[in-house]
N, C-alpha and C. Protein backbone atom coordinates (compact mmCIF):
# COMPACT_ATOMS: atom_id res chain seq x y z
N UNK A 1 31.72 -35.17 43.41
CA UNK A 1 30.38 -35.80 42.77
C UNK A 1 30.31 -35.54 41.16
N UNK A 2 30.32 -36.57 40.32
CA UNK A 2 30.23 -36.18 39.12
C UNK A 2 28.89 -35.91 38.66
N UNK A 3 29.01 -34.63 37.90
CA UNK A 3 27.47 -34.17 37.20
C UNK A 3 27.02 -35.10 36.08
N UNK A 4 25.62 -35.27 35.94
CA UNK A 4 25.24 -35.82 34.81
C UNK A 4 25.28 -35.20 33.67
N UNK A 5 25.86 -36.03 32.92
CA UNK A 5 26.06 -35.11 31.40
C UNK A 5 25.00 -34.68 30.50
N UNK A 6 25.03 -33.56 30.17
CA UNK A 6 24.05 -32.69 29.62
C UNK A 6 24.51 -33.20 27.97
N UNK A 7 22.99 -33.44 27.32
CA UNK A 7 23.25 -34.00 26.10
C UNK A 7 22.82 -33.10 24.98
N UNK A 8 23.59 -32.51 24.19
CA UNK A 8 23.47 -31.35 23.45
C UNK A 8 23.42 -32.07 21.70
N UNK A 9 22.41 -31.58 21.01
CA UNK A 9 22.55 -31.74 19.53
C UNK A 9 23.47 -31.10 18.66
N UNK A 10 24.09 -32.01 18.01
CA UNK A 10 25.15 -31.67 16.99
C UNK A 10 24.57 -31.61 15.48
N UNK A 11 24.57 -30.46 15.06
CA UNK A 11 23.73 -30.40 13.59
C UNK A 11 24.73 -29.60 12.54
N UNK A 12 25.13 -30.23 11.48
CA UNK A 12 26.01 -30.05 10.55
C UNK A 12 25.43 -29.19 9.77
N UNK A 13 25.51 -27.78 9.12
CA UNK A 13 25.11 -27.19 8.31
C UNK A 13 26.26 -26.70 7.19
N UNK A 14 26.15 -26.25 6.18
CA UNK A 14 26.81 -25.50 4.92
C UNK A 14 27.91 -24.79 5.61
N UNK A 15 27.74 -23.71 6.41
CA UNK A 15 28.74 -22.54 6.69
C UNK A 15 28.86 -22.98 8.19
N UNK A 16 28.19 -23.56 8.67
CA UNK A 16 28.44 -23.76 10.25
C UNK A 16 27.86 -24.66 11.14
N UNK A 17 28.16 -25.19 11.99
CA UNK A 17 27.99 -26.29 12.66
C UNK A 17 27.70 -25.81 14.14
N UNK A 18 26.11 -26.53 14.39
CA UNK A 18 25.65 -26.00 15.66
C UNK A 18 25.54 -27.15 16.69
N UNK A 19 25.89 -26.69 17.99
CA UNK A 19 25.76 -27.39 19.03
C UNK A 19 24.51 -26.64 19.90
N UNK A 20 23.37 -27.43 20.04
CA UNK A 20 22.25 -26.94 20.66
C UNK A 20 21.67 -27.91 21.80
N UNK A 21 20.87 -27.22 22.67
CA UNK A 21 20.12 -28.18 23.80
C UNK A 21 19.15 -29.11 23.09
N UNK A 22 19.26 -30.25 23.74
CA UNK A 22 18.16 -31.18 23.07
C UNK A 22 16.71 -30.67 23.80
N UNK A 23 15.42 -30.75 23.14
CA UNK A 23 14.21 -30.60 23.23
C UNK A 23 13.91 -30.78 24.78
N UNK A 24 13.40 -30.11 25.70
CA UNK A 24 13.15 -30.52 27.09
C UNK A 24 14.08 -30.24 28.16
N UNK A 25 15.31 -29.82 27.57
CA UNK A 25 16.36 -29.60 28.47
C UNK A 25 16.20 -28.31 28.88
N UNK A 26 16.24 -28.18 30.49
CA UNK A 26 16.18 -26.97 31.10
C UNK A 26 17.11 -25.81 30.71
N UNK A 27 18.27 -26.45 30.62
CA UNK A 27 19.26 -25.24 30.06
C UNK A 27 19.52 -24.94 28.49
N UNK A 28 19.33 -23.87 28.14
CA UNK A 28 19.23 -23.56 26.90
C UNK A 28 20.51 -23.27 26.43
N UNK A 29 20.92 -24.06 25.61
CA UNK A 29 22.60 -23.66 24.67
C UNK A 29 22.19 -23.71 23.32
N UNK A 30 22.75 -22.52 22.63
CA UNK A 30 22.86 -22.43 21.26
C UNK A 30 24.40 -21.84 20.77
N UNK A 31 25.25 -22.66 20.32
CA UNK A 31 26.59 -22.39 19.94
C UNK A 31 26.54 -22.70 18.40
N UNK A 32 26.96 -21.89 17.75
CA UNK A 32 27.59 -22.01 16.25
C UNK A 32 28.89 -21.94 16.33
N UNK A 33 29.66 -22.61 15.51
CA UNK A 33 30.96 -22.76 15.01
C UNK A 33 31.17 -22.45 13.68
N UNK A 34 32.30 -21.63 13.33
CA UNK A 34 32.09 -21.08 12.12
C UNK A 34 32.84 -22.01 11.17
N UNK A 35 32.49 -23.24 10.93
CA UNK A 35 33.11 -24.11 10.02
C UNK A 35 31.83 -25.02 9.84
N UNK A 36 31.46 -25.37 8.46
CA UNK A 36 30.68 -25.85 8.04
C UNK A 36 31.03 -27.14 7.32
N UNK A 37 30.24 -28.00 7.29
CA UNK A 37 30.50 -29.67 6.50
C UNK A 37 30.64 -29.00 4.91
N UNK A 38 29.67 -28.31 4.58
CA UNK A 38 29.37 -27.93 2.92
C UNK A 38 30.73 -27.36 2.51
N UNK A 39 30.88 -26.16 3.34
CA UNK A 39 32.24 -25.16 3.01
C UNK A 39 33.20 -26.05 2.96
N UNK A 40 33.45 -27.00 4.01
CA UNK A 40 34.80 -27.51 4.22
C UNK A 40 34.95 -28.65 2.97
N UNK A 41 33.92 -29.07 2.53
CA UNK A 41 33.90 -30.04 1.21
C UNK A 41 34.09 -29.41 0.13
N UNK A 42 33.52 -28.08 0.08
CA UNK A 42 33.79 -27.47 -1.42
C UNK A 42 35.08 -26.84 -1.56
N UNK A 43 35.80 -26.42 -0.27
CA UNK A 43 36.83 -25.39 -0.24
C UNK A 43 38.07 -26.12 -0.12
N UNK A 44 38.15 -27.44 0.83
CA UNK A 44 39.18 -27.92 1.18
C UNK A 44 39.26 -29.27 0.66
N UNK A 45 38.34 -29.90 0.84
CA UNK A 45 38.07 -31.57 0.38
C UNK A 45 37.80 -31.75 -1.06
N UNK A 46 38.42 -31.53 -1.86
CA UNK A 46 38.03 -31.09 -3.19
C UNK A 46 38.34 -32.77 -4.07
N UNK A 47 38.84 -33.54 -3.31
CA UNK A 47 39.20 -34.80 -4.18
C UNK A 47 38.48 -36.03 -3.34
N UNK A 48 38.19 -36.81 -3.86
CA UNK A 48 37.51 -38.43 -3.60
C UNK A 48 38.59 -39.40 -3.77
N UNK A 49 39.32 -39.73 -3.04
CA UNK A 49 39.56 -39.76 -1.46
C UNK A 49 40.17 -38.23 -1.43
N UNK A 50 40.01 -37.49 -0.23
CA UNK A 50 40.79 -36.17 -0.03
C UNK A 50 42.17 -36.72 -0.11
N UNK A 51 43.02 -35.89 -0.60
CA UNK A 51 44.86 -35.59 -0.53
C UNK A 51 45.01 -35.64 1.22
N UNK A 52 46.05 -36.25 1.32
CA UNK A 52 46.65 -36.09 2.92
C UNK A 52 46.65 -34.78 3.05
N UNK A 53 47.26 -33.84 2.53
CA UNK A 53 47.41 -32.23 2.40
C UNK A 53 45.84 -31.48 2.72
N UNK A 54 45.05 -32.23 1.91
CA UNK A 54 43.52 -31.68 2.07
C UNK A 54 43.01 -32.09 3.66
N UNK A 55 43.37 -33.18 4.18
CA UNK A 55 42.77 -33.78 5.46
C UNK A 55 43.54 -32.98 6.38
N UNK A 56 44.83 -32.67 6.33
CA UNK A 56 45.72 -31.81 7.06
C UNK A 56 44.68 -30.46 7.20
N UNK A 57 44.78 -29.72 6.05
CA UNK A 57 44.21 -28.42 6.04
C UNK A 57 42.88 -28.51 6.67
N UNK A 58 42.02 -29.47 6.54
CA UNK A 58 40.48 -29.49 6.81
C UNK A 58 40.91 -29.49 8.80
N UNK A 59 41.37 -30.38 9.13
CA UNK A 59 41.85 -30.64 10.62
C UNK A 59 42.32 -29.06 11.22
N UNK A 60 42.94 -28.43 10.72
CA UNK A 60 43.61 -27.28 11.16
C UNK A 60 42.23 -26.16 11.04
N UNK A 61 41.67 -26.47 10.17
CA UNK A 61 40.32 -25.27 10.09
C UNK A 61 39.26 -25.67 11.18
N UNK A 62 39.21 -27.04 11.17
CA UNK A 62 38.13 -27.37 12.47
C UNK A 62 38.60 -27.14 13.71
N UNK A 63 40.01 -27.67 13.77
CA UNK A 63 40.75 -27.32 15.12
C UNK A 63 40.30 -25.59 15.57
N UNK A 64 40.48 -24.94 14.51
CA UNK A 64 40.49 -23.31 14.77
C UNK A 64 38.99 -23.05 15.26
N UNK A 65 38.01 -23.86 15.02
CA UNK A 65 36.80 -23.60 15.18
C UNK A 65 36.13 -24.23 16.52
N UNK A 66 37.18 -25.34 16.81
CA UNK A 66 36.26 -26.25 18.01
C UNK A 66 36.96 -26.26 19.30
N UNK A 67 38.05 -25.78 18.98
CA UNK A 67 38.85 -25.56 20.56
C UNK A 67 38.36 -24.44 21.25
N UNK A 68 38.48 -23.24 20.70
CA UNK A 68 37.77 -22.08 21.56
C UNK A 68 36.16 -22.35 21.86
N UNK A 69 35.40 -23.07 21.23
CA UNK A 69 34.15 -23.28 21.59
C UNK A 69 33.76 -24.09 22.76
N UNK A 70 34.66 -24.86 22.99
CA UNK A 70 34.49 -25.84 24.11
C UNK A 70 34.36 -24.85 25.35
N UNK A 71 35.09 -23.66 25.71
CA UNK A 71 34.96 -23.20 27.07
C UNK A 71 33.29 -22.47 27.21
N UNK A 72 32.70 -22.50 26.15
CA UNK A 72 31.30 -21.99 26.18
C UNK A 72 30.02 -22.91 26.63
N UNK A 73 30.78 -24.28 26.80
CA UNK A 73 29.82 -25.27 27.15
C UNK A 73 29.83 -25.88 28.52
N UNK A 74 28.90 -26.38 28.93
CA UNK A 74 28.80 -27.20 30.48
C UNK A 74 30.33 -28.33 30.39
N UNK A 75 30.68 -28.51 31.60
CA UNK A 75 31.94 -29.17 31.50
C UNK A 75 31.25 -30.85 31.48
N UNK A 76 30.25 -31.14 31.94
CA UNK A 76 30.07 -32.54 31.33
C UNK A 76 29.00 -32.78 30.31
N UNK A 77 29.23 -32.96 29.17
CA UNK A 77 28.28 -33.06 28.23
C UNK A 77 28.37 -34.34 27.12
N UNK A 78 27.37 -34.61 26.40
CA UNK A 78 27.32 -35.84 25.37
C UNK A 78 26.67 -35.08 24.23
N UNK A 79 27.04 -35.82 23.38
CA UNK A 79 26.60 -34.89 22.03
C UNK A 79 25.86 -36.30 21.25
N UNK A 80 24.72 -35.68 20.57
CA UNK A 80 23.71 -36.60 19.92
C UNK A 80 23.75 -35.87 18.41
N UNK A 81 23.81 -36.80 17.48
CA UNK A 81 23.88 -36.09 16.15
C UNK A 81 22.55 -37.02 15.25
N UNK A 82 21.74 -36.25 14.62
CA UNK A 82 20.69 -36.93 13.80
C UNK A 82 20.85 -36.81 12.41
N UNK A 83 22.23 -36.58 11.83
CA UNK A 83 22.96 -36.44 10.44
C UNK A 83 22.63 -37.87 9.98
N UNK A 84 22.29 -37.90 8.64
CA UNK A 84 22.12 -39.02 8.19
C UNK A 84 23.24 -39.71 7.47
N UNK A 85 24.29 -39.06 6.83
CA UNK A 85 25.49 -39.53 6.27
C UNK A 85 26.33 -39.97 7.46
N UNK A 86 26.56 -39.27 8.66
CA UNK A 86 27.16 -39.60 9.60
C UNK A 86 26.66 -41.15 10.28
N UNK A 87 25.46 -41.21 10.26
CA UNK A 87 24.65 -42.59 10.71
C UNK A 87 24.94 -43.59 9.93
N UNK A 88 24.91 -43.21 8.62
CA UNK A 88 25.22 -44.56 7.35
C UNK A 88 26.76 -44.47 7.39
N UNK A 89 27.48 -43.86 7.93
CA UNK A 89 28.89 -44.33 8.15
C UNK A 89 29.18 -45.43 9.47
N UNK A 90 28.45 -45.04 10.63
CA UNK A 90 28.55 -45.67 11.89
C UNK A 90 27.59 -46.99 11.56
N UNK A 91 26.52 -47.17 10.81
CA UNK A 91 25.60 -48.30 10.79
C UNK A 91 26.24 -49.21 9.54
N UNK A 92 26.90 -48.75 8.47
CA UNK A 92 27.26 -49.53 7.47
C UNK A 92 29.00 -50.14 7.39
N UNK A 93 29.51 -49.00 7.99
CA UNK A 93 31.00 -49.30 7.73
C UNK A 93 31.99 -49.68 8.81
N UNK A 94 31.21 -49.75 10.24
CA UNK A 94 31.90 -50.25 11.41
C UNK A 94 31.55 -51.24 11.75
N UNK A 95 32.57 -52.13 12.33
CA UNK A 95 32.21 -53.69 12.62
C UNK A 95 31.61 -53.68 13.77
N UNK A 96 30.84 -54.74 14.19
CA UNK A 96 30.30 -54.97 15.23
C UNK A 96 31.05 -54.61 16.69
N UNK A 97 32.12 -54.68 16.45
CA UNK A 97 33.37 -54.78 17.59
C UNK A 97 33.32 -53.08 18.00
N UNK A 98 33.02 -52.52 17.23
CA UNK A 98 33.38 -50.91 17.37
C UNK A 98 31.95 -50.11 17.60
N UNK A 99 31.11 -50.84 17.49
CA UNK A 99 29.75 -49.95 17.39
C UNK A 99 28.68 -50.79 18.45
N UNK A 100 27.92 -49.81 19.41
CA UNK A 100 27.22 -50.50 20.30
C UNK A 100 25.75 -49.61 19.91
N UNK A 101 24.80 -50.53 19.75
CA UNK A 101 23.41 -50.33 19.55
C UNK A 101 22.78 -50.17 20.81
N UNK A 102 22.21 -48.95 21.01
CA UNK A 102 21.58 -48.41 22.27
C UNK A 102 19.96 -48.33 22.29
N UNK A 103 19.36 -48.75 23.11
CA UNK A 103 17.92 -48.98 23.02
C UNK A 103 17.64 -47.44 23.59
N UNK A 104 18.43 -47.24 24.46
CA UNK A 104 18.31 -45.65 25.33
C UNK A 104 19.62 -45.09 25.40
N UNK A 105 19.65 -43.74 25.15
CA UNK A 105 20.96 -42.91 25.50
C UNK A 105 21.30 -43.16 26.99
N UNK A 106 22.68 -43.04 27.14
CA UNK A 106 23.18 -43.39 28.70
C UNK A 106 22.79 -42.14 29.41
N UNK A 107 22.14 -41.10 28.94
CA UNK A 107 21.64 -39.86 29.63
C UNK A 107 20.03 -40.35 30.09
N UNK A 108 19.57 -41.51 29.62
CA UNK A 108 18.45 -41.41 29.95
C UNK A 108 17.35 -41.35 28.81
N UNK A 109 17.98 -40.14 28.08
CA UNK A 109 16.86 -39.76 27.06
C UNK A 109 16.73 -41.00 26.07
N UNK A 110 15.33 -41.15 25.80
CA UNK A 110 14.70 -42.04 24.81
C UNK A 110 14.98 -41.73 23.51
N UNK A 111 15.78 -42.20 22.54
CA UNK A 111 16.14 -41.91 21.17
C UNK A 111 15.45 -42.75 20.28
N UNK A 112 14.50 -43.45 20.58
CA UNK A 112 13.62 -44.42 19.87
C UNK A 112 12.67 -44.03 18.98
N UNK A 113 12.64 -42.59 18.90
CA UNK A 113 11.55 -42.14 18.16
C UNK A 113 11.76 -42.52 16.62
N UNK A 114 11.47 -41.53 15.83
CA UNK A 114 11.52 -41.90 14.15
C UNK A 114 12.73 -42.24 13.56
N UNK A 115 14.09 -42.29 14.66
CA UNK A 115 15.23 -42.58 13.85
C UNK A 115 15.15 -44.07 14.07
N UNK A 116 16.32 -44.50 13.47
CA UNK A 116 16.86 -45.88 13.22
C UNK A 116 17.54 -46.10 14.52
N UNK A 117 17.78 -47.22 15.10
CA UNK A 117 18.65 -47.91 16.43
C UNK A 117 19.66 -46.80 16.32
N UNK A 118 19.66 -46.06 17.52
CA UNK A 118 20.83 -45.16 17.87
C UNK A 118 22.19 -45.96 18.04
N UNK A 119 22.96 -45.32 17.51
CA UNK A 119 24.67 -45.96 17.59
C UNK A 119 25.43 -45.33 18.08
N UNK A 120 26.27 -46.04 19.36
CA UNK A 120 27.30 -45.05 20.09
C UNK A 120 28.46 -45.29 19.20
N UNK A 121 29.19 -44.09 18.62
CA UNK A 121 30.55 -43.85 18.06
C UNK A 121 31.12 -43.50 19.00
N UNK A 122 32.08 -44.47 19.47
CA UNK A 122 33.03 -44.07 20.33
C UNK A 122 34.27 -43.62 19.95
N UNK A 123 35.07 -42.99 20.54
CA UNK A 123 36.44 -42.15 19.96
C UNK A 123 36.88 -43.46 19.24
N UNK A 124 37.19 -44.51 19.80
CA UNK A 124 37.77 -45.57 18.99
C UNK A 124 37.55 -45.77 17.54
N UNK A 125 35.99 -45.54 17.72
CA UNK A 125 35.53 -46.39 16.28
C UNK A 125 35.83 -45.14 15.52
N UNK A 126 35.37 -43.77 15.74
CA UNK A 126 35.97 -42.78 15.08
C UNK A 126 37.44 -42.84 14.46
N UNK A 127 38.48 -43.08 15.32
CA UNK A 127 39.66 -43.10 14.92
C UNK A 127 39.73 -44.36 13.78
N UNK A 128 39.07 -45.37 13.91
CA UNK A 128 39.29 -46.34 13.24
C UNK A 128 38.61 -46.05 11.85
N UNK A 129 37.60 -45.25 11.70
CA UNK A 129 37.10 -44.69 10.42
C UNK A 129 38.12 -44.05 9.81
N UNK A 130 38.45 -42.76 10.50
CA UNK A 130 39.54 -41.82 10.13
C UNK A 130 40.88 -42.64 9.80
N UNK A 131 41.48 -43.69 10.48
CA UNK A 131 42.44 -44.29 9.72
C UNK A 131 42.43 -45.00 8.31
N UNK A 132 41.10 -45.60 8.05
CA UNK A 132 40.54 -46.01 6.87
C UNK A 132 40.55 -44.90 5.91
N UNK A 133 40.19 -43.64 6.20
CA UNK A 133 39.93 -42.28 5.31
C UNK A 133 41.61 -42.36 5.02
N UNK A 134 42.47 -42.07 6.03
CA UNK A 134 43.90 -41.79 5.61
C UNK A 134 44.46 -42.92 4.43
N UNK A 135 44.18 -44.30 4.93
CA UNK A 135 44.89 -45.25 3.98
C UNK A 135 44.35 -44.75 2.89
N UNK A 136 43.01 -44.91 2.60
CA UNK A 136 42.11 -44.30 1.18
C UNK A 136 42.94 -43.14 0.84
N UNK A 137 43.24 -42.19 1.46
CA UNK A 137 43.85 -40.86 0.73
C UNK A 137 45.34 -41.39 0.63
N UNK A 138 45.88 -42.30 0.67
CA UNK A 138 47.25 -42.60 0.60
C UNK A 138 47.46 -43.81 -0.28
N UNK A 139 46.21 -43.86 -0.84
CA UNK A 139 46.25 -45.14 -1.94
C UNK A 139 45.67 -46.15 -2.03
N UNK A 140 45.13 -46.77 -0.89
CA UNK A 140 44.44 -47.85 -0.72
C UNK A 140 43.41 -47.98 -1.58
N UNK A 141 43.28 -48.94 -2.53
CA UNK A 141 42.12 -48.93 -3.62
C UNK A 141 40.62 -49.17 -2.91
N UNK A 142 39.72 -48.82 -3.65
CA UNK A 142 38.36 -49.03 -3.29
C UNK A 142 38.07 -50.37 -3.14
N UNK A 143 38.62 -51.27 -3.95
CA UNK A 143 38.24 -52.38 -3.70
C UNK A 143 38.60 -53.26 -2.43
N UNK A 144 39.32 -52.36 -1.98
CA UNK A 144 40.04 -53.07 -0.44
C UNK A 144 39.18 -52.42 0.61
N UNK A 145 38.57 -51.29 0.41
CA UNK A 145 37.79 -50.65 1.30
C UNK A 145 36.70 -49.57 0.95
N UNK A 146 35.64 -50.16 1.20
CA UNK A 146 34.50 -49.22 0.34
C UNK A 146 33.87 -48.16 1.18
N UNK A 147 34.78 -47.69 2.13
CA UNK A 147 34.37 -46.46 3.00
C UNK A 147 34.07 -45.24 2.14
N UNK A 148 32.75 -44.77 2.22
CA UNK A 148 32.63 -43.33 1.32
C UNK A 148 33.68 -42.55 1.65
N UNK A 149 34.45 -42.09 0.65
CA UNK A 149 35.52 -41.07 1.19
C UNK A 149 35.20 -39.68 0.21
N UNK A 150 33.88 -39.58 -0.39
CA UNK A 150 33.75 -38.08 -0.99
C UNK A 150 33.79 -37.25 0.24
N UNK A 151 33.77 -35.87 -0.33
CA UNK A 151 33.91 -34.59 0.67
C UNK A 151 32.97 -34.53 1.59
N UNK A 152 31.56 -34.93 1.43
CA UNK A 152 30.67 -34.74 2.31
C UNK A 152 30.82 -35.98 3.54
N UNK A 153 31.16 -37.09 3.37
CA UNK A 153 31.26 -38.09 4.41
C UNK A 153 32.74 -37.52 5.11
N UNK A 154 33.59 -37.24 4.42
CA UNK A 154 35.18 -37.07 4.75
C UNK A 154 34.80 -35.71 5.79
N UNK A 155 34.35 -34.57 5.27
CA UNK A 155 33.75 -33.53 6.40
C UNK A 155 33.17 -33.97 7.67
N UNK A 156 32.32 -34.56 7.39
CA UNK A 156 31.66 -35.20 8.82
C UNK A 156 32.65 -35.83 9.88
N UNK A 157 33.38 -36.98 9.23
CA UNK A 157 34.01 -37.72 9.69
C UNK A 157 35.25 -36.95 10.55
N UNK A 158 36.01 -35.77 9.86
CA UNK A 158 36.98 -35.19 10.75
C UNK A 158 36.40 -34.20 11.44
N UNK A 159 35.18 -33.33 11.08
CA UNK A 159 34.74 -32.56 12.29
C UNK A 159 34.30 -33.40 13.66
N UNK A 160 33.46 -34.62 13.49
CA UNK A 160 33.07 -35.43 14.55
C UNK A 160 35.04 -35.92 15.34
N UNK A 161 35.67 -36.29 14.70
CA UNK A 161 37.08 -36.56 15.35
C UNK A 161 37.53 -35.36 15.86
N UNK A 162 37.60 -34.35 15.25
CA UNK A 162 38.58 -33.30 16.18
C UNK A 162 37.38 -32.70 17.29
N UNK A 163 36.25 -32.69 17.32
CA UNK A 163 35.38 -32.28 18.37
C UNK A 163 35.56 -33.53 19.59
N UNK A 164 35.55 -34.85 19.08
CA UNK A 164 35.72 -35.75 20.37
C UNK A 164 36.92 -35.40 20.92
N UNK A 165 37.96 -35.22 20.03
CA UNK A 165 39.24 -35.19 20.37
C UNK A 165 39.63 -33.92 21.58
N UNK A 166 39.37 -32.65 20.85
CA UNK A 166 39.62 -31.58 21.58
C UNK A 166 38.42 -30.89 22.91
N UNK A 167 37.38 -31.94 22.84
CA UNK A 167 36.30 -31.64 23.78
C UNK A 167 36.73 -32.70 24.82
N UNK A 168 37.22 -33.80 24.46
CA UNK A 168 37.70 -34.62 25.49
C UNK A 168 36.33 -35.76 25.76
N UNK A 169 35.61 -35.90 24.65
CA UNK A 169 34.50 -36.95 24.87
C UNK A 169 34.88 -38.25 24.48
N UNK A 170 34.14 -38.89 24.98
CA UNK A 170 34.49 -40.69 24.71
C UNK A 170 33.65 -41.15 23.42
N UNK A 171 32.72 -40.22 22.87
CA UNK A 171 32.12 -40.63 21.53
C UNK A 171 30.76 -39.77 21.72
N UNK A 172 30.02 -40.34 20.39
CA UNK A 172 28.61 -39.57 20.57
C UNK A 172 27.58 -40.52 19.93
N UNK A 173 26.40 -40.21 20.48
CA UNK A 173 25.32 -41.07 19.84
C UNK A 173 24.74 -40.72 18.43
N UNK A 174 24.75 -41.15 17.62
CA UNK A 174 24.13 -41.19 16.22
C UNK A 174 22.59 -41.76 15.87
N UNK A 175 21.78 -41.18 15.43
CA UNK A 175 20.87 -41.95 14.74
C UNK A 175 20.25 -41.13 13.54
N UNK A 176 19.44 -41.53 12.87
CA UNK A 176 18.93 -41.05 11.60
C UNK A 176 17.45 -41.20 11.69
């Protein structure tokens, strides 16, 4: 019998990234990972777009933080993020074929509060965005792809990609 996934909040900060219990959840989880999007943007992703080497260095730093953190979380989990920059990437730069607007989170949690319509960011959608970032880092002109490639957006995209990949998650919900 499969356990119902627990929805956890993914919160980006300057020096750390938090995974916390959503309000009203019986299980209390508060996990910090020692990599934050601000520090990643400042210290590694120094160009817009970031260079391929910068992207690879950022991936290594994120992997070092997220891989050991997984064992401290429930086996069945889903992530939710109310990060505005991540939501902007999802809502403006994904084609309709990659995103699903959800009136209600798959776990039954109602996310129709003060945020915009929640968007399910599947692993495939995140990979599509990441591949666009790679193409920009390898020289695709902005005129051909207006995906934001500044350090703040790039750091979030890399963080989410690595979390989904290393935690074996099919995606995450995003709202702003």
